[in-house]
């Protein structure tokens, strides 16, 4: 459920960025990077050090591919 909600939310957010900016991919990656850094730093103050490391690894495993692949998947170009 969380994965489907995340993917749906990212598509809506990227579509919103396309409607308000000329370079949605740049803003998508910038805001995603800021989120990963902010959440990563916040997680170190919210529990044990080991839990923070695991949360950061989880978000990097999911977040970095999302920052790279989702903008490509939302392009309006036909597949070859």
PDB file of N, CA and C in Angstrom:
ATOM      1  N   UNK A   1       0.832  -1.186   0.000  1.00  0.00           N
ATOM      2  CA  UNK A   1       0.000   0.000   0.000  1.00  0.00           C
ATOM      3  C   UNK A   1       0.871   1.242   0.000  1.00  0.00           C
ATOM      4  N   UNK A   2       1.919   1.228   0.805  1.00  0.00           N
ATOM      5  CA  UNK A   2       2.794   2.397   0.876  1.00  0.00           C
ATOM      6  C   UNK A   2       3.500   2.637  -0.453  1.00  0.00           C
ATOM      7  N   UNK A   3       3.906   1.584  -1.131  1.00  0.00           N
ATOM      8  CA  UNK A   3       4.593   1.733  -2.416  1.00  0.00           C
ATOM      9  C   UNK A   3       3.664   2.307  -3.466  1.00  0.00           C
ATOM     10  N   UNK A   4       2.428   1.823  -3.516  1.00  0.00           N
ATOM     11  CA  UNK A   4       1.459   2.348  -4.479  1.00  0.00           C
ATOM     12  C   UNK A   4       1.157   3.811  -4.170  1.00  0.00           C
ATOM     13  N   UNK A   5       0.988   4.150  -2.904  1.00  0.00           N
ATOM     14  CA  UNK A   5       0.732   5.536  -2.515  1.00  0.00           C
ATOM     15  C   UNK A   5       1.925   6.424  -2.873  1.00  0.00           C
ATOM     16  N   UNK A   6       3.140   5.937  -2.647  1.00  0.00           N
ATOM     17  CA  UNK A   6       4.331   6.714  -2.992  1.00  0.00           C
ATOM     18  C   UNK A   6       4.400   6.970  -4.497  1.00  0.00           C
ATOM     19  N   UNK A   7       4.211   5.927  -5.286  1.00  0.00           N
ATOM     20  CA  UNK A   7       4.289   6.082  -6.744  1.00  0.00           C
ATOM     21  C   UNK A   7       3.197   7.008  -7.260  1.00  0.00           C
ATOM     22  N   UNK A   8       1.979   6.862  -6.754  1.00  0.00           N
ATOM     23  CA  UNK A   8       0.891   7.745  -7.178  1.00  0.00           C
ATOM     24  C   UNK A   8       1.179   9.186  -6.773  1.00  0.00           C
ATOM     25  N   UNK A   9       1.670   9.377  -5.578  1.00  0.00           N
ATOM     26  CA  UNK A   9       2.005  10.720  -5.115  1.00  0.00           C
ATOM     27  C   UNK A   9       3.114  11.352  -5.924  1.00  0.00           C
ATOM     28  N   UNK A  10       4.107  10.571  -6.304  1.00  0.00           N
ATOM     29  CA  UNK A  10       5.209  11.129  -7.089  1.00  0.00           C
ATOM     30  C   UNK A  10       4.754  11.512  -8.489  1.00  0.00           C
ATOM     31  N   UNK A  11       3.858  10.734  -9.072  1.00  0.00           N
ATOM     32  CA  UNK A  11       3.350  11.081 -10.399  1.00  0.00           C
ATOM     33  C   UNK A  11       2.549  12.378 -10.321  1.00  0.00           C
ATOM     34  N   UNK A  12       1.722  12.514  -9.304  1.00  0.00           N
ATOM     35  CA  UNK A  12       0.938  13.741  -9.127  1.00  0.00           C
ATOM     36  C   UNK A  12       1.872  14.929  -8.899  1.00  0.00           C
ATOM     37  N   UNK A  13       2.868  14.762  -8.043  1.00  0.00           N
ATOM     38  CA  UNK A  13       3.813  15.843  -7.749  1.00  0.00           C
ATOM     39  C   UNK A  13       4.605  16.236  -9.001  1.00  0.00           C
ATOM     40  N   UNK A  14       5.084  15.266  -9.765  1.00  0.00           N
ATOM     41  CA  UNK A  14       5.850  15.574 -10.974  1.00  0.00           C
ATOM     42  C   UNK A  14       4.955  16.255 -12.009  1.00  0.00           C
ATOM     43  N   UNK A  15       3.709  15.819 -12.127  1.00  0.00           N
ATOM     44  CA  UNK A  15       2.773  16.459 -13.048  1.00  0.00           C
ATOM     45  C   UNK A  15       2.502  17.896 -12.612  1.00  0.00           C
ATOM     46  N   UNK A  16       2.375  18.122 -11.327  1.00  0.00           N
ATOM     47  CA  UNK A  16       2.215  19.480 -10.813  1.00  0.00           C
ATOM     48  C   UNK A  16       3.424  20.334 -11.166  1.00  0.00           C
ATOM     49  N   UNK A  17       4.627  19.785 -10.982  1.00  0.00           N
ATOM     50  CA  UNK A  17       5.835  20.541 -11.319  1.00  0.00           C
ATOM     51  C   UNK A  17       5.878  20.875 -12.811  1.00  0.00           C
ATOM     52  N   UNK A  18       5.408  19.946 -13.660  1.00  0.00           N
ATOM     53  CA  UNK A  18       5.384  20.215 -15.098  1.00  0.00           C
ATOM     54  C   UNK A  18       4.460  21.365 -15.444  1.00  0.00           C
ATOM     55  N   UNK A  19       3.418  21.556 -14.650  1.00  0.00           N
ATOM     56  CA  UNK A  19       2.466  22.625 -14.946  1.00  0.00           C
ATOM     57  C   UNK A  19       2.929  23.983 -14.430  1.00  0.00           C
ATOM     58  N   UNK A  20       3.837  24.027 -13.462  1.00  0.00           N
ATOM     59  CA  UNK A  20       4.257  25.317 -12.901  1.00  0.00           C
ATOM     60  C   UNK A  20       5.691  25.712 -13.246  1.00  0.00           C
ATOM     61  N   UNK A  21       6.485  24.799 -13.799  1.00  0.00           N
ATOM     62  CA  UNK A  21       7.872  25.123 -14.138  1.00  0.00           C
ATOM     63  C   UNK A  21       8.195  24.657 -15.551  1.00  0.00           C
ATOM     64  N   UNK A  22       9.274  25.203 -16.076  1.00  0.00           N
ATOM     65  CA  UNK A  22       9.751  24.775 -17.390  1.00  0.00           C
ATOM     66  C   UNK A  22      10.641  23.545 -17.316  1.00  0.00           C
ATOM     67  N   UNK A  23      11.269  23.324 -16.175  1.00  0.00           N
ATOM     68  CA  UNK A  23      12.192  22.204 -16.015  1.00  0.00           C
ATOM     69  C   UNK A  23      11.769  21.373 -14.806  1.00  0.00           C
ATOM     70  N   UNK A  24      10.727  20.591 -14.979  1.00  0.00           N
ATOM     71  CA  UNK A  24      10.178  19.811 -13.868  1.00  0.00           C
ATOM     72  C   UNK A  24      11.167  18.770 -13.354  1.00  0.00           C
ATOM     73  N   UNK A  25      11.957  18.187 -14.243  1.00  0.00           N
ATOM     74  CA  UNK A  25      12.897  17.150 -13.810  1.00  0.00           C
ATOM     75  C   UNK A  25      13.940  17.707 -12.850  1.00  0.00           C
ATOM     76  N   UNK A  26      14.433  18.898 -13.132  1.00  0.00           N
ATOM     77  CA  UNK A  26      15.426  19.523 -12.251  1.00  0.00           C
ATOM     78  C   UNK A  26      14.821  19.776 -10.875  1.00  0.00           C
ATOM     79  N   UNK A  27      13.622  20.334 -10.833  1.00  0.00           N
ATOM     80  CA  UNK A  27      12.976  20.624  -9.557  1.00  0.00           C
ATOM     81  C   UNK A  27      12.576  19.351  -8.825  1.00  0.00           C
ATOM     82  N   UNK A  28      12.211  18.311  -9.587  1.00  0.00           N
ATOM     83  CA  UNK A  28      11.891  17.018  -8.998  1.00  0.00           C
ATOM     84  C   UNK A  28      13.108  16.454  -8.274  1.00  0.00           C
ATOM     85  N   UNK A  29      14.244  16.471  -8.957  1.00  0.00           N
ATOM     86  CA  UNK A  29      15.462  15.913  -8.361  1.00  0.00           C
ATOM     87  C   UNK A  29      15.970  16.780  -7.207  1.00  0.00           C
ATOM     88  N   UNK A  30      15.860  18.094  -7.338  1.00  0.00           N
ATOM     89  CA  UNK A  30      16.305  18.995  -6.267  1.00  0.00           C
ATOM     90  C   UNK A  30      15.453  18.809  -5.016  1.00  0.00           C
ATOM     91  N   UNK A  31      14.138  18.810  -5.177  1.00  0.00           N
ATOM     92  CA  UNK A  31      13.275  18.659  -4.007  1.00  0.00           C
ATOM     93  C   UNK A  31      13.421  17.262  -3.396  1.00  0.00           C
ATOM     94  N   UNK A  32      13.611  16.238  -4.221  1.00  0.00           N
ATOM     95  CA  UNK A  32      13.831  14.892  -3.703  1.00  0.00           C
ATOM     96  C   UNK A  32      15.134  14.787  -2.935  1.00  0.00           C
ATOM     97  N   UNK A  33      16.184  15.405  -3.451  1.00  0.00           N
ATOM     98  CA  UNK A  33      17.467  15.411  -2.750  1.00  0.00           C
ATOM     99  C   UNK A  33      17.387  16.143  -1.421  1.00  0.00           C
ATOM    100  N   UNK A  34      16.693  17.275  -1.413  1.00  0.00           N
ATOM    101  CA  UNK A  34      16.507  18.024  -0.162  1.00  0.00           C
ATOM    102  C   UNK A  34      15.731  17.176   0.845  1.00  0.00           C
ATOM    103  N   UNK A  35      14.687  16.476   0.377  1.00  0.00           N
ATOM    104  CA  UNK A  35      13.927  15.609   1.276  1.00  0.00           C
ATOM    105  C   UNK A  35      14.816  14.505   1.850  1.00  0.00           C
ATOM    106  N   UNK A  36      15.606  13.853   0.995  1.00  0.00           N
ATOM    107  CA  UNK A  36      16.461  12.768   1.491  1.00  0.00           C
ATOM    108  C   UNK A  36      17.464  13.266   2.523  1.00  0.00           C
ATOM    109  N   UNK A  37      18.018  14.437   2.304  1.00  0.00           N
ATOM    110  CA  UNK A  37      18.976  15.002   3.269  1.00  0.00           C
ATOM    111  C   UNK A  37      18.275  15.397   4.563  1.00  0.00           C
ATOM    112  N   UNK A  38      17.136  16.109   4.443  1.00  0.00           N
ATOM    113  CA  UNK A  38      16.413  16.552   5.644  1.00  0.00           C
ATOM    114  C   UNK A  38      15.912  15.366   6.463  1.00  0.00           C
ATOM    115  N   UNK A  39      15.306  14.387   5.800  1.00  0.00           N
ATOM    116  CA  UNK A  39      14.805  13.219   6.521  1.00  0.00           C
ATOM    117  C   UNK A  39      15.959  12.424   7.116  1.00  0.00           C
ATOM    118  N   UNK A  40      17.050  12.322   6.383  1.00  0.00           N
ATOM    119  CA  UNK A  40      18.210  11.595   6.893  1.00  0.00           C
ATOM    120  C   UNK A  40      18.774  12.217   8.152  1.00  0.00           C
ATOM    121  N   UNK A  41      18.869  13.536   8.173  1.00  0.00           N
ATOM    122  CA  UNK A  41      19.372  14.207   9.370  1.00  0.00           C
ATOM    123  C   UNK A  41      18.375  14.117  10.516  1.00  0.00           C
ATOM    124  N   UNK A  42      17.081  14.244  10.209  1.00  0.00           N
ATOM    125  CA  UNK A  42      16.044  14.157  11.239  1.00  0.00           C
ATOM    126  C   UNK A  42      16.022  12.772  11.884  1.00  0.00           C
ATOM    127  N   UNK A  43      16.230  11.741  11.106  1.00  0.00           N
ATOM    128  CA  UNK A  43      16.132  10.380  11.643  1.00  0.00           C
ATOM    129  C   UNK A  43      17.202  10.094  12.683  1.00  0.00           C
ATOM    130  N   UNK A  44      18.319  10.800  12.637  1.00  0.00           N
ATOM    131  CA  UNK A  44      19.360  10.563  13.645  1.00  0.00           C
ATOM    132  C   UNK A  44      18.944  11.076  15.017  1.00  0.00           C
ATOM    133  N   UNK A  45      18.015  12.019  15.068  1.00  0.00           N
ATOM    134  CA  UNK A  45      17.565  12.526  16.357  1.00  0.00           C
ATOM    135  C   UNK A  45      16.310  11.867  16.870  1.00  0.00           C
ATOM    136  N   UNK A  46      15.727  10.959  16.109  1.00  0.00           N
ATOM    137  CA  UNK A  46      14.442  10.404  16.504  1.00  0.00           C
ATOM    138  C   UNK A  46      14.505   8.993  17.084  1.00  0.00           C
ATOM    139  N   UNK A  47      15.643   8.414  17.177  1.00  0.00           N
ATOM    140  CA  UNK A  47      15.738   7.044  17.713  1.00  0.00           C
ATOM    141  C   UNK A  47      17.183   6.660  17.914  1.00  0.00           C
ATOM    142  N   UNK A  48      17.455   5.374  17.820  1.00  0.00           N
ATOM    143  CA  UNK A  48      18.818   4.896  17.994  1.00  0.00           C
ATOM    144  C   UNK A  48      19.627   5.124  16.715  1.00  0.00           C
ATOM    145  N   UNK A  49      20.896   5.089  16.848  1.00  0.00           N
ATOM    146  CA  UNK A  49      21.792   5.293  15.709  1.00  0.00           C
ATOM    147  C   UNK A  49      21.597   4.194  14.665  1.00  0.00           C
ATOM    148  N   UNK A  50      21.436   2.959  15.113  1.00  0.00           N
ATOM    149  CA  UNK A  50      21.250   1.848  14.186  1.00  0.00           C
ATOM    150  C   UNK A  50      19.939   1.984  13.410  1.00  0.00           C
ATOM    151  N   UNK A  51      18.878   2.416  14.078  1.00  0.00           N
ATOM    152  CA  UNK A  51      17.594   2.624  13.399  1.00  0.00           C
ATOM    153  C   UNK A  51      17.712   3.745  12.370  1.00  0.00           C
ATOM    154  N   UNK A  52      18.440   4.782  12.695  1.00  0.00           N
ATOM    155  CA  UNK A  52      18.630   5.890  11.753  1.00  0.00           C
ATOM    156  C   UNK A  52      19.396   5.432  10.518  1.00  0.00           C
ATOM    157  N   UNK A  53      20.413   4.613  10.708  1.00  0.00           N
ATOM    158  CA  UNK A  53      21.171   4.083   9.570  1.00  0.00           C
ATOM    159  C   UNK A  53      20.267   3.239   8.681  1.00  0.00           C
ATOM    160  N   UNK A  54      19.452   2.377   9.284  1.00  0.00           N
ATOM    161  CA  UNK A  54      18.548   1.531   8.503  1.00  0.00           C
ATOM    162  C   UNK A  54      17.506   2.363   7.753  1.00  0.00           C
ATOM    163  N   UNK A  55      16.950   3.376   8.395  1.00  0.00           N
ATOM    164  CA  UNK A  55      15.985   4.244   7.721  1.00  0.00           C
ATOM    165  C   UNK A  55      16.627   4.977   6.554  1.00  0.00           C
ATOM    166  N   UNK A  56      17.834   5.458   6.765  1.00  0.00           N
ATOM    167  CA  UNK A  56      18.523   6.164   5.687  1.00  0.00           C
ATOM    168  C   UNK A  56      18.837   5.229   4.522  1.00  0.00           C
ATOM    169  N   UNK A  57      19.273   4.016   4.816  1.00  0.00           N
ATOM    170  CA  UNK A  57      19.534   3.057   3.740  1.00  0.00           C
ATOM    171  C   UNK A  57      18.261   2.741   2.967  1.00  0.00           C
ATOM    172  N   UNK A  58      17.165   2.538   3.686  1.00  0.00           N
ATOM    173  CA  UNK A  58      15.889   2.254   3.042  1.00  0.00           C
ATOM    174  C   UNK A  58      15.466   3.406   2.127  1.00  0.00           C
ATOM    175  N   UNK A  59      15.566   4.625   2.614  1.00  0.00           N
ATOM    176  CA  UNK A  59      15.158   5.767   1.806  1.00  0.00           C
ATOM    177  C   UNK A  59      16.104   6.004   0.634  1.00  0.00           C
ATOM    178  N   UNK A  60      17.363   5.701   0.790  1.00  0.00           N
ATOM    179  CA  UNK A  60      18.292   5.826  -0.340  1.00  0.00           C
ATOM    180  C   UNK A  60      18.024   4.759  -1.393  1.00  0.00           C
ATOM    181  N   UNK A  61      17.725   3.540  -0.948  1.00  0.00           N
ATOM    182  CA  UNK A  61      17.443   2.452  -1.893  1.00  0.00           C
ATOM    183  C   UNK A  61      16.199   2.760  -2.716  1.00  0.00           C
ATOM    184  N   UNK A  62      15.207   3.351  -2.100  1.00  0.00           N
ATOM    185  CA  UNK A  62      13.971   3.689  -2.798  1.00  0.00           C
ATOM    186  C   UNK A  62      14.064   5.055  -3.469  1.00  0.00           C
ATOM    187  N   UNK A  63      14.648   6.015  -2.789  1.00  0.00           N
ATOM    188  CA  UNK A  63      14.638   7.402  -3.252  1.00  0.00           C
ATOM    189  C   UNK A  63      15.530   7.692  -4.446  1.00  0.00           C
ATOM    190  N   UNK A  64      16.729   7.176  -4.445  1.00  0.00           N
ATOM    191  CA  UNK A  64      17.642   7.474  -5.564  1.00  0.00           C
ATOM    192  C   UNK A  64      17.132   6.941  -6.901  1.00  0.00           C
ATOM    193  N   UNK A  65      16.676   5.684  -6.974  1.00  0.00           N
ATOM    194  CA  UNK A  65      16.102   5.243  -8.255  1.00  0.00           C
ATOM    195  C   UNK A  65      14.861   6.042  -8.656  1.00  0.00           C
ATOM    196  N   UNK A  66      14.057   6.440  -7.674  1.00  0.00           N
ATOM    197  CA  UNK A  66      12.867   7.240  -7.988  1.00  0.00           C
ATOM    198  C   UNK A  66      13.265   8.583  -8.579  1.00  0.00           C
ATOM    199  N   UNK A  67      14.311   9.184  -8.054  1.00  0.00           N
ATOM    200  CA  UNK A  67      14.766  10.476  -8.584  1.00  0.00           C
ATOM    201  C   UNK A  67      15.300  10.337 -10.003  1.00  0.00           C
ATOM    202  N   UNK A  68      15.835   9.178 -10.317  1.00  0.00           N
ATOM    203  CA  UNK A  68      16.419   8.961 -11.645  1.00  0.00           C
ATOM    204  C   UNK A  68      15.381   8.471 -12.647  1.00  0.00           C
ATOM    205  N   UNK A  69      14.589   7.466 -12.280  1.00  0.00           N
ATOM    206  CA  UNK A  69      13.746   6.779 -13.263  1.00  0.00           C
ATOM    207  C   UNK A  69      12.348   7.349 -13.446  1.00  0.00           C
ATOM    208  N   UNK A  70      11.752   7.934 -12.418  1.00  0.00           N
ATOM    209  CA  UNK A  70      10.372   8.413 -12.568  1.00  0.00           C
ATOM    210  C   UNK A  70      10.266   9.529 -13.600  1.00  0.00           C
ATOM    211  N   UNK A  71      11.154  10.539 -13.621  1.00  0.00           N
ATOM    212  CA  UNK A  71      11.016  11.556 -14.673  1.00  0.00           C
ATOM    213  C   UNK A  71      11.120  10.986 -16.085  1.00  0.00           C
ATOM    214  N   UNK A  72      11.974   9.989 -16.284  1.00  0.00           N
ATOM    215  CA  UNK A  72      12.090   9.357 -17.604  1.00  0.00           C
ATOM    216  C   UNK A  72      10.802   8.635 -17.975  1.00  0.00           C
ATOM    217  N   UNK A  73      10.167   7.999 -17.014  1.00  0.00           N
ATOM    218  CA  UNK A  73       8.945   7.247 -17.290  1.00  0.00           C
ATOM    219  C   UNK A  73       7.766   8.149 -17.608  1.00  0.00           C
ATOM    220  N   UNK A  74       7.825   9.409 -17.175  1.00  0.00           N
ATOM    221  CA  UNK A  74       6.711  10.321 -17.396  1.00  0.00           C
ATOM    222  C   UNK A  74       6.857  11.176 -18.645  1.00  0.00           C
ATOM    223  N   UNK A  75       7.893  10.944 -19.418  1.00  0.00           N
ATOM    224  CA  UNK A  75       8.063  11.674 -20.676  1.00  0.00           C
ATOM    225  C   UNK A  75       6.988  11.241 -21.661  1.00  0.00           C
ATOM    226  N   UNK A  76       6.571  12.154 -22.519  1.00  0.00           N
ATOM    227  CA  UNK A  76       5.531  11.863 -23.500  1.00  0.00           C
ATOM    228  C   UNK A  76       6.128  11.427 -24.841  1.00  0.00           C
ATOM    229  N   UNK A  77       7.137  10.571 -24.786  1.00  0.00           N
ATOM    230  CA  UNK A  77       7.781  10.078 -26.000  1.00  0.00           C
ATOM    231  C   UNK A  77       7.412   8.610 -26.204  1.00  0.00           C
ATOM    232  N   UNK A  78       7.213   8.198 -27.448  1.00  0.00           N
ATOM    233  CA  UNK A  78       6.915   6.777 -27.679  1.00  0.00           C
ATOM    234  C   UNK A  78       8.142   5.910 -27.405  1.00  0.00           C
ATOM    235  N   UNK A  79       7.894   4.713 -26.913  1.00  0.00           N
ATOM    236  CA  UNK A  79       8.993   3.776 -26.647  1.00  0.00           C
ATOM    237  C   UNK A  79       9.490   3.173 -27.946  1.00  0.00           C
ATOM    238  N   UNK A  80      10.791   2.960 -28.044  1.00  0.00           N
ATOM    239  CA  UNK A  80      11.401   2.337 -29.233  1.00  0.00           C
ATOM    240  C   UNK A  80      11.561   0.866 -29.017  1.00  0.00           C
TER     241      UNK A  80
END
